[in-house]
Structure formats: structure tokens, C-alpha cells
Amino acid sequence: MTLRIDISGLPSERLRFAASPLAELTAMLHVLAEPGHHPRLAGWAGEVWAELRPELAERLREAEFLWRSSRADFLVPARPRPTLADELDDVDRIDDETYVRSALVTTCGSNRVHFAAPSPLTDATARERALDLAQARGARQEAFAERLLADPAAVRARVRHTLEQCADAFFDAAWTSVAVQLATDLRLKNDLLKRRGIGAALASVSGAITLTPDGDCIIVDKLQDKTTAARGTGLTFIPSVFGRPHLVAVHAPGWQPVVQYPVAEPSPSEPVSLETVTLRLQALAHPVRLRLLRTLARGPHTTGELAHAWELSPPEVSRHLAVLRRAGLLTARRHGRYIHHTLDLSAMTTLGTNLLSAVLR
């Protein structure tokens, strides 16, 4: 399951790496809404909530659907600007229909194509569908959708004012604290892009992002099957300190593709691919393989020893061991004429973390 971004014929200068104040603010707002996704930032989130004025705290809860489970596309800009005010000005230039469709994707959890046409601002059926979806997701979500459809201008102004208030409350200080880290990452990425090409630059972004051998497509390892194209518009990569572990991808029709990626930590662990996680879950789903792992967890064993211990035939054990090896759970080492199989305890220990990372990615 992947997101495929077609970049065939895309000039290298149309692939850009740039920092975005608005995208980083949105990442911070997501942390405040879902601190469980970001245990390392839980302390920061708690301090921010404790110091927020009640009015601003209520405003953030009111509009959190724009950044909680996903991000409204206009909050992850394709053309980042130096300041938050500049990027909010760009958002103001978006027409009401585009803004509302993007907001409702997040607010109502709908398919991104669902509200493309007709518009819920002008079509009664589309409007009713939007409100039905919102109602099913909660009272706050329903109220937000109702206000947005009734008076887009007022809601847009209120959302902008809320984001501006965040600057004074916590964003400006947090943005200053991560500026050096973001600038360092951008220098690395742009240098790799210039000197070694797109493939090297993407490899430094994340192990979950790869370039196909023909160089025509970028593969983002996410729990979705989607395709988009950057051939005519370009592609933007935005680093984030507060976004870890998420890879946020804007790929809706009519929007330039954007990927917001987590800046590498000082000692980063390479993300395990979704394919590897899937193979490990499938390997562990069989009761015989669980019994074999129980024995291997206590030390290396040969195929014959495992067959004798569990009253299985050696060929049957070999088949199960092959599945476990493909999943990266076992290693094998020869000692004379014997081959000893060993369980990789670190792979087992991190399986839950890897699974969570793949889901949140």
C-alpha cells in the first residue's frame, strides 16, 4: 500500500525543499490535539495547554478537525513563505469553494474527491451529505461544518485569527527553537539534490520514500493506495521537527503535491517498511511458527532439534523457518555441518513500535 507520485519529465528545479511556518504550526497543533502520537512532546504539549488563555484553548478545540486526524490541504503550502503572516495571506487568496472542500475533507472525514463537484456551498444534496458526515463524527464537528457552510467568510476569518493568536501564545518561541535544525536539514537536502540528484535527496528524507528505478515515480510507503502527478506543478518537501513520526502528503486533485517529513533525529533508526511489518504479522499468525519461536527465543537450534522438540517433520519445519526468515525474524549461522537458527530479539521487541510507526506514517 503506497502513495505514488508521478514525476516523469519533472525538471529538478521543480522539486523543492523549503521550510514552512504554517505547516510547522499545523504540526504543533496536531501534537496538541493528539499528544499520544508524540510521547516525546507530551511535556511540551502539557505546558502549552496549561498556559493557554481559555478563549484560545476553546478556539483550538473548535477547529481541531482541520489538523487532528489529517490536515486541511491549505495548511501545508506548496509554496512556503518566510513568515506565517505571508502564508496566511496566501490562504486568504483561496476561493471559498476550494477552502470549504479542503476543510470538509478533514472535518467530515470524506473521500477527497467526494466534494469536488457539485459544491456543498451551492448544491443541497452535497450540503446534506456533508452535514450528515459531520453529525456522525460529533457535535463540535457538526457545528463547525454548519458554520462553515453558512458563512465561509466568517469561519475563515476566525480560523486565521486563531492561528495568529497561536503565534504569540507558543508558536513564535517554538519556531525560533527549531529554526537551526530546519535550516541544517534544508542545506543537506538541497546540496544532495544539486550534487547527486533526486534519488539521493529522497533517500535522505526517509526510508519510507523511494524513487523507482526509471526515475519517473516517487513511492511513499503509507497505508493507502493513491496516485497523483507532479509533472505540471512541481513537488514540495517540507521538513518538520514537531511532525515526527508522520509523513503528511497533500495529493488531492487540484493541489500541488506536498510532503511534510520529520527531520532526522541525531541517532535516527531507519523506519521499517510496511511490507516488512506485514510479513512479520503474517509470520506470527501461524500457531506452529509461534511454537518454533518459543523455542528459538531460548537459544539457537537446528532444524532437526526443532522438528524433534515439536514432533514435526524436518521439511515442515524448514518451510516455517523460511517464512520467519523472509520476515526478518531469524538469522542462520553454520557450525560445521549444522545450521543454527537464531531469533532476532530486537525485531520482536520493536514490532509493536514498528507497527505503530507504519500506521501513523
Protein backbone atom coordinates (compact mmCIF):
# COMPACT_ATOMS: atom_id res chain seq x y z
CA MET A 1 0.00 0.00 0.00
CA THR A 2 1.65 3.17 -1.21
CA LEU A 3 1.19 6.69 -2.49
CA ARG A 4 2.70 7.02 -5.97
CA ILE A 5 3.71 10.48 -7.20
CA ASP A 6 4.38 10.64 -10.93
CA ILE A 7 7.35 12.95 -11.61
CA SER A 8 8.13 11.86 -15.17
CA GLY A 9 9.58 14.81 -17.08
CA LEU A 10 9.74 16.97 -13.95
CA PRO A 11 12.79 19.29 -14.03
CA SER A 12 14.92 19.01 -10.90
CA GLU A 13 14.31 22.69 -10.12
CA ARG A 14 10.57 21.97 -9.79
CA LEU A 15 11.30 19.68 -6.85
CA ARG A 16 11.94 21.96 -3.91
CA PHE A 17 12.85 21.65 -0.25
CA ALA A 18 11.67 24.55 1.91
CA ALA A 19 10.57 25.30 5.46
CA SER A 20 7.00 26.44 6.11
CA PRO A 21 5.94 28.29 9.26
CA LEU A 22 2.28 27.43 8.63
CA ALA A 23 2.98 23.73 8.11
CA GLU A 24 5.07 23.60 11.30
CA LEU A 25 2.37 25.42 13.25
CA THR A 26 -0.11 22.85 11.95
CA ALA A 27 2.21 20.06 13.12
CA MET A 28 2.31 21.68 16.57
CA LEU A 29 -1.47 21.94 16.63
CA HIS A 30 -1.70 18.25 15.76
CA VAL A 31 0.60 17.45 18.70
CA LEU A 32 -1.69 19.46 20.98
CA ALA A 33 -4.73 17.59 19.65
CA GLU A 34 -3.12 14.12 19.65
CA PRO A 35 -0.26 14.07 22.20
CA GLY A 36 -0.47 10.27 22.29
CA HIS A 37 1.06 10.20 18.79
CA HIS A 38 4.05 12.17 20.07
CA PRO A 39 5.15 10.90 23.50
CA ARG A 40 8.43 12.83 23.34
CA LEU A 41 6.50 16.07 23.01
CA ALA A 42 3.88 15.28 25.64
CA GLY A 43 5.63 17.52 28.15
CA TRP A 44 5.71 20.42 25.72
CA ALA A 45 2.02 19.91 24.88
CA GLY A 46 1.09 19.85 28.56
CA GLU A 47 2.95 23.10 29.22
CA VAL A 48 1.29 24.82 26.25
CA TRP A 49 -2.21 23.75 27.29
CA ALA A 50 -1.55 24.86 30.86
CA GLU A 51 -0.55 28.35 29.73
CA LEU A 52 -3.18 28.94 27.03
CA ARG A 53 -5.85 31.51 27.64
CA PRO A 54 -9.25 29.77 27.97
CA GLU A 55 -10.61 31.55 24.90
CA LEU A 56 -7.76 30.37 22.67
CA ALA A 57 -7.93 26.85 24.09
CA GLU A 58 -11.63 26.69 23.19
CA ARG A 59 -10.92 28.02 19.70
CA LEU A 60 -8.30 25.30 19.13
CA ARG A 61 -10.73 22.59 20.22
CA GLU A 62 -13.40 24.09 17.98
CA ALA A 63 -11.22 23.97 14.85
CA GLU A 64 -9.05 20.93 15.64
CA PHE A 65 -10.67 18.93 12.87
CA LEU A 66 -8.52 20.90 10.43
CA TRP A 67 -5.40 19.22 11.79
CA ARG A 68 -6.28 16.35 14.15
CA SER A 69 -6.85 13.18 12.09
CA SER A 70 -5.49 14.71 8.90
CA ARG A 71 -4.51 18.16 7.65
CA ALA A 72 -6.54 20.56 5.57
CA ASP A 73 -4.56 20.94 2.36
CA PHE A 74 -4.30 24.72 2.65
CA LEU A 75 -2.40 24.30 5.93
CA VAL A 76 0.51 22.57 4.15
CA PRO A 77 1.51 25.11 1.48
CA ALA A 78 3.11 24.12 -1.80
CA ARG A 79 4.95 27.43 -1.96
CA PRO A 80 6.26 28.13 1.52
CA ARG A 81 6.87 31.74 2.53
CA PRO A 82 9.31 33.22 5.05
CA THR A 83 6.65 34.21 7.59
CA LEU A 84 3.40 32.87 8.98
CA ALA A 85 1.62 36.09 8.01
CA ASP A 86 2.71 35.69 4.37
CA GLU A 87 1.40 32.14 4.24
CA LEU A 88 -1.89 33.11 5.87
CA ASP A 89 -2.23 35.83 3.22
CA ASP A 90 -1.87 33.11 0.57
CA VAL A 91 -4.61 31.08 2.27
CA ASP A 92 -6.85 34.17 2.16
CA ARG A 93 -6.47 34.22 -1.63
CA ILE A 94 -8.03 30.76 -1.98
CA ASP A 95 -11.64 30.93 -3.15
CA ASP A 96 -14.41 29.86 -0.79
CA GLU A 97 -15.28 26.66 -2.64
CA THR A 98 -11.68 25.41 -2.60
CA TYR A 99 -11.29 26.32 1.07
CA VAL A 100 -14.56 24.65 2.08
CA ARG A 101 -13.83 21.44 0.14
CA SER A 102 -10.43 21.19 1.78
CA ALA A 103 -11.84 21.89 5.26
CA LEU A 104 -14.66 19.38 4.85
CA VAL A 105 -12.28 16.63 3.84
CA THR A 106 -10.79 16.89 7.29
CA THR A 107 -13.92 17.94 9.14
CA CYS A 108 -16.12 15.22 7.70
CA GLY A 109 -13.54 12.53 7.06
CA SER A 110 -14.82 12.23 3.49
CA ASN A 111 -13.09 10.96 0.39
CA ARG A 112 -11.05 13.79 -1.07
CA VAL A 113 -12.88 13.53 -4.37
CA HIS A 114 -16.34 13.48 -2.79
CA PHE A 115 -16.95 17.22 -2.61
CA ALA A 116 -15.17 18.17 -5.82
CA ALA A 117 -18.47 18.68 -7.66
CA PRO A 118 -21.12 19.74 -7.02
CA SER A 119 -20.12 22.11 -4.26
CA PRO A 120 -21.80 21.77 -0.84
CA LEU A 121 -21.98 25.59 -0.85
CA THR A 122 -24.41 25.59 -3.78
CA ASP A 123 -25.86 22.07 -4.03
CA ALA A 124 -28.44 20.97 -1.43
CA THR A 125 -27.66 17.26 -1.78
CA ALA A 126 -23.90 17.76 -1.34
CA ARG A 127 -24.58 20.06 1.60
CA GLU A 128 -26.83 17.49 3.29
CA ARG A 129 -24.23 14.79 2.75
CA ALA A 130 -21.53 16.98 4.31
CA LEU A 131 -23.66 17.70 7.36
CA ASP A 132 -24.63 14.04 7.75
CA LEU A 133 -20.98 13.05 7.79
CA ALA A 134 -20.17 15.80 10.27
CA GLN A 135 -23.05 14.86 12.56
CA ALA A 136 -21.84 11.27 12.70
CA ARG A 137 -18.43 12.43 13.92
CA GLY A 138 -19.53 14.60 16.82
CA ALA A 139 -21.31 17.74 17.96
CA ARG A 140 -18.29 20.03 17.60
CA GLN A 141 -17.59 18.73 14.13
CA GLU A 142 -21.20 19.20 13.10
CA ALA A 143 -21.27 22.75 14.48
CA PHE A 144 -18.05 23.64 12.67
CA ALA A 145 -19.36 22.27 9.35
CA GLU A 146 -22.67 24.13 9.78
CA ARG A 147 -20.92 27.44 10.43
CA LEU A 148 -18.51 26.90 7.55
CA LEU A 149 -21.29 26.17 5.06
CA ALA A 150 -23.49 29.00 6.33
CA ASP A 151 -20.83 31.71 6.42
CA PRO A 152 -17.44 30.70 4.94
CA ALA A 153 -16.00 34.20 5.24
CA ALA A 154 -16.68 34.42 8.97
CA VAL A 155 -15.21 30.99 9.69
CA ARG A 156 -12.15 31.70 7.56
CA ALA A 157 -11.52 34.95 9.42
CA ARG A 158 -11.97 33.19 12.77
CA VAL A 159 -9.54 30.40 11.83
CA ARG A 160 -6.94 32.92 10.69
CA HIS A 161 -7.31 34.92 13.88
CA THR A 162 -6.92 31.72 15.91
CA LEU A 163 -3.69 30.85 14.11
CA GLU A 164 -2.39 34.39 14.62
CA GLN A 165 -3.10 34.11 18.33
CA CYS A 166 -1.09 30.88 18.41
CA ALA A 167 1.94 32.81 17.22
CA ASP A 168 2.00 34.92 20.35
CA ALA A 169 0.96 32.09 22.66
CA PHE A 170 3.53 29.45 21.71
CA PHE A 171 4.42 29.28 18.02
CA ASP A 172 6.97 32.10 17.77
CA ALA A 173 9.07 30.68 20.60
CA ALA A 174 8.83 27.11 19.27
CA TRP A 175 9.62 28.21 15.71
CA THR A 176 12.75 30.01 16.89
CA SER A 177 13.86 26.92 18.80
CA VAL A 178 13.70 24.67 15.70
CA ALA A 179 14.94 27.19 13.11
CA VAL A 180 18.56 26.00 13.16
CA GLN A 181 17.57 22.34 12.90
CA LEU A 182 15.29 23.03 9.94
CA ALA A 183 17.90 25.19 8.18
CA THR A 184 20.56 22.50 8.63
CA ASP A 185 18.26 19.86 7.19
CA LEU A 186 17.39 22.04 4.20
CA ARG A 187 21.05 22.71 3.42
CA LEU A 188 21.71 18.97 3.40
CA LYS A 189 18.71 18.15 1.21
CA ASN A 190 19.31 20.93 -1.31
CA ASP A 191 23.01 20.07 -1.54
CA LEU A 192 22.19 16.42 -2.20
CA LEU A 193 19.59 17.41 -4.79
CA LYS A 194 22.06 19.67 -6.59
CA ARG A 195 25.10 17.39 -6.47
CA ARG A 196 23.69 13.86 -6.53
CA GLY A 197 20.15 14.16 -7.85
CA ILE A 198 16.62 13.36 -6.75
CA GLY A 199 17.30 9.79 -5.66
CA ALA A 200 19.95 10.77 -3.11
CA ALA A 201 17.85 13.63 -1.78
CA LEU A 202 14.82 11.37 -1.31
CA ALA A 203 16.93 8.69 0.40
CA SER A 204 17.94 11.28 2.99
CA VAL A 205 14.31 12.26 3.65
CA SER A 206 13.08 8.89 4.87
CA GLY A 207 13.49 5.19 4.27
CA ALA A 208 9.74 5.22 3.58
CA ILE A 209 10.28 7.32 0.43
CA THR A 210 11.94 5.81 -2.63
CA LEU A 211 12.47 6.58 -6.30
CA THR A 212 11.52 3.94 -8.86
CA PRO A 213 14.43 2.58 -10.95
CA ASP A 214 13.30 4.52 -14.02
CA GLY A 215 13.21 7.74 -12.00
CA ASP A 216 9.65 8.52 -13.08
CA CYS A 217 7.80 7.92 -9.83
CA ILE A 218 8.23 8.56 -6.11
CA ILE A 219 6.85 5.87 -3.82
CA VAL A 220 5.71 6.88 -0.34
CA ASP A 221 5.21 3.88 1.94
CA LYS A 222 1.86 4.70 3.57
CA LEU A 223 -1.28 2.77 4.44
CA GLN A 224 -3.12 3.88 1.32
CA ASP A 225 -3.33 3.14 -2.37
CA LYS A 226 -3.26 6.52 -4.10
CA THR A 227 -1.66 8.10 -7.14
CA THR A 228 -1.02 11.71 -8.04
CA ALA A 229 1.15 13.61 -10.51
CA ALA A 230 3.65 16.42 -10.08
CA ARG A 231 4.62 16.74 -13.73
CA GLY A 232 2.94 20.06 -14.41
CA THR A 233 3.00 21.64 -10.98
CA GLY A 234 6.13 20.56 -9.16
CA LEU A 235 6.62 18.88 -5.81
CA THR A 236 7.49 20.40 -2.44
CA PHE A 237 9.12 18.72 0.56
CA ILE A 238 8.75 20.48 3.92
CA PRO A 239 10.86 19.43 6.93
CA SER A 240 9.23 19.29 10.35
CA VAL A 241 10.56 18.89 13.88
CA PHE A 242 7.14 18.64 15.52
CA GLY A 243 5.72 16.32 12.85
CA ARG A 244 7.53 13.12 13.79
CA PRO A 245 6.57 10.32 13.15
CA HIS A 246 4.11 11.44 10.47
CA LEU A 247 4.73 11.73 6.75
CA VAL A 248 1.98 14.13 5.67
CA ALA A 249 1.17 14.07 1.96
CA VAL A 250 -1.09 16.52 0.13
CA HIS A 251 -2.25 14.80 -3.03
CA ALA A 252 -5.82 15.97 -3.67
CA PRO A 253 -6.90 16.81 -7.23
CA GLY A 254 -6.20 20.45 -7.98
CA TRP A 255 -3.45 20.80 -5.38
CA GLN A 256 0.28 20.66 -6.00
CA PRO A 257 1.70 17.59 -4.21
CA VAL A 258 3.42 18.37 -0.92
CA VAL A 259 5.17 16.04 1.53
CA GLN A 260 5.89 17.16 5.08
CA TYR A 261 8.54 14.88 6.56
CA PRO A 262 10.10 14.54 10.03
CA VAL A 263 13.63 15.88 10.35
CA ALA A 264 16.05 13.10 11.21
CA GLU A 265 16.94 12.78 14.88
CA PRO A 266 20.61 12.79 15.94
CA SER A 267 20.65 8.98 16.01
CA PRO A 268 17.80 8.01 13.70
CA SER A 269 16.57 4.46 13.40
CA GLU A 270 15.70 3.51 9.85
CA PRO A 271 11.93 3.10 9.50
CA VAL A 272 10.81 -0.46 8.86
CA SER A 273 8.79 -0.75 5.67
CA LEU A 274 5.10 -1.58 5.74
CA GLU A 275 5.90 -4.69 3.70
CA THR A 276 8.25 -5.94 6.40
CA VAL A 277 5.70 -5.25 9.14
CA THR A 278 3.07 -7.14 7.13
CA LEU A 279 5.39 -10.13 6.62
CA ARG A 280 6.11 -10.26 10.35
CA LEU A 281 2.45 -10.15 11.31
CA GLN A 282 1.69 -12.92 8.82
CA ALA A 283 4.60 -14.98 10.11
CA LEU A 284 3.35 -14.68 13.67
CA ALA A 285 -0.23 -15.58 12.72
CA HIS A 286 0.56 -19.32 12.46
CA PRO A 287 0.47 -21.38 15.69
CA VAL A 288 3.30 -23.69 14.58
CA ARG A 289 5.62 -20.74 13.93
CA LEU A 290 4.78 -19.32 17.34
CA ARG A 291 5.85 -22.63 18.91
CA LEU A 292 9.10 -22.59 16.97
CA LEU A 293 9.74 -19.01 18.08
CA ARG A 294 9.14 -20.02 21.67
CA THR A 295 11.99 -22.49 21.41
CA LEU A 296 14.26 -20.16 19.43
CA ALA A 297 13.72 -17.37 21.95
CA ARG A 298 15.61 -19.55 24.42
CA GLY A 299 18.63 -20.03 22.15
CA PRO A 300 19.82 -21.15 18.69
CA HIS A 301 18.54 -24.52 17.41
CA THR A 302 18.95 -26.64 14.32
CA THR A 303 16.10 -27.73 12.08
CA GLY A 304 16.40 -31.26 13.39
CA GLU A 305 16.22 -30.14 17.02
CA LEU A 306 13.09 -28.10 16.32
CA ALA A 307 11.47 -30.98 14.46
CA HIS A 308 12.18 -33.36 17.35
CA ALA A 309 11.02 -30.89 20.01
CA TRP A 310 7.68 -30.25 18.36
CA GLU A 311 7.16 -33.65 16.68
CA LEU A 312 7.22 -32.20 13.18
CA SER A 313 8.92 -33.37 10.00
CA PRO A 314 12.15 -31.54 9.07
CA PRO A 315 10.67 -30.34 5.73
CA GLU A 316 7.69 -28.86 7.57
CA VAL A 317 9.98 -27.04 9.98
CA SER A 318 12.10 -25.78 7.09
CA ARG A 319 9.06 -24.28 5.40
CA HIS A 320 8.06 -22.42 8.54
CA LEU A 321 11.62 -21.23 9.15
CA ALA A 322 11.74 -19.85 5.61
CA VAL A 323 8.66 -17.72 6.33
CA LEU A 324 10.24 -16.40 9.53
CA ARG A 325 13.50 -15.59 7.72
CA ARG A 326 11.68 -13.68 4.95
CA ALA A 327 10.04 -11.62 7.67
CA GLY A 328 13.45 -10.75 9.09
CA LEU A 329 12.82 -12.50 12.40
CA LEU A 330 15.57 -15.13 12.17
CA THR A 331 19.25 -15.35 11.36
CA ALA A 332 21.14 -18.52 10.44
CA ARG A 333 24.76 -19.45 11.11
CA ARG A 334 26.62 -22.59 10.08
CA HIS A 335 28.68 -24.54 12.60
CA GLY A 336 30.35 -27.40 10.74
CA ARG A 337 27.61 -29.44 9.16
CA TYR A 338 24.92 -27.90 11.35
CA ILE A 339 22.95 -24.71 10.72
CA HIS A 340 21.72 -22.96 13.84
CA HIS A 341 18.70 -20.68 13.62
CA THR A 342 18.54 -17.71 15.99
CA LEU A 343 15.63 -15.43 16.80
CA ASP A 344 16.33 -11.71 16.32
CA LEU A 345 15.04 -10.48 19.66
CA SER A 346 15.35 -6.82 18.65
CA ALA A 347 12.98 -7.40 15.72
CA MET A 348 10.45 -8.92 18.07
CA THR A 349 10.92 -6.19 20.68
CA THR A 350 10.33 -3.36 18.22
CA LEU A 351 7.49 -4.98 16.30
CA GLY A 352 4.85 -3.05 18.20
CA THR A 353 6.73 0.21 17.72
CA ASN A 354 7.26 -0.53 14.03
CA LEU A 355 3.58 -1.34 13.57
CA LEU A 356 2.54 1.90 15.27
CA SER A 357 5.03 3.88 13.18
CA ALA A 358 3.71 2.34 9.95
CA VAL A 359 0.12 3.14 10.91
CA LEU A 360 0.93 6.73 11.94
CA ARG A 361 3.17 7.35 8.97
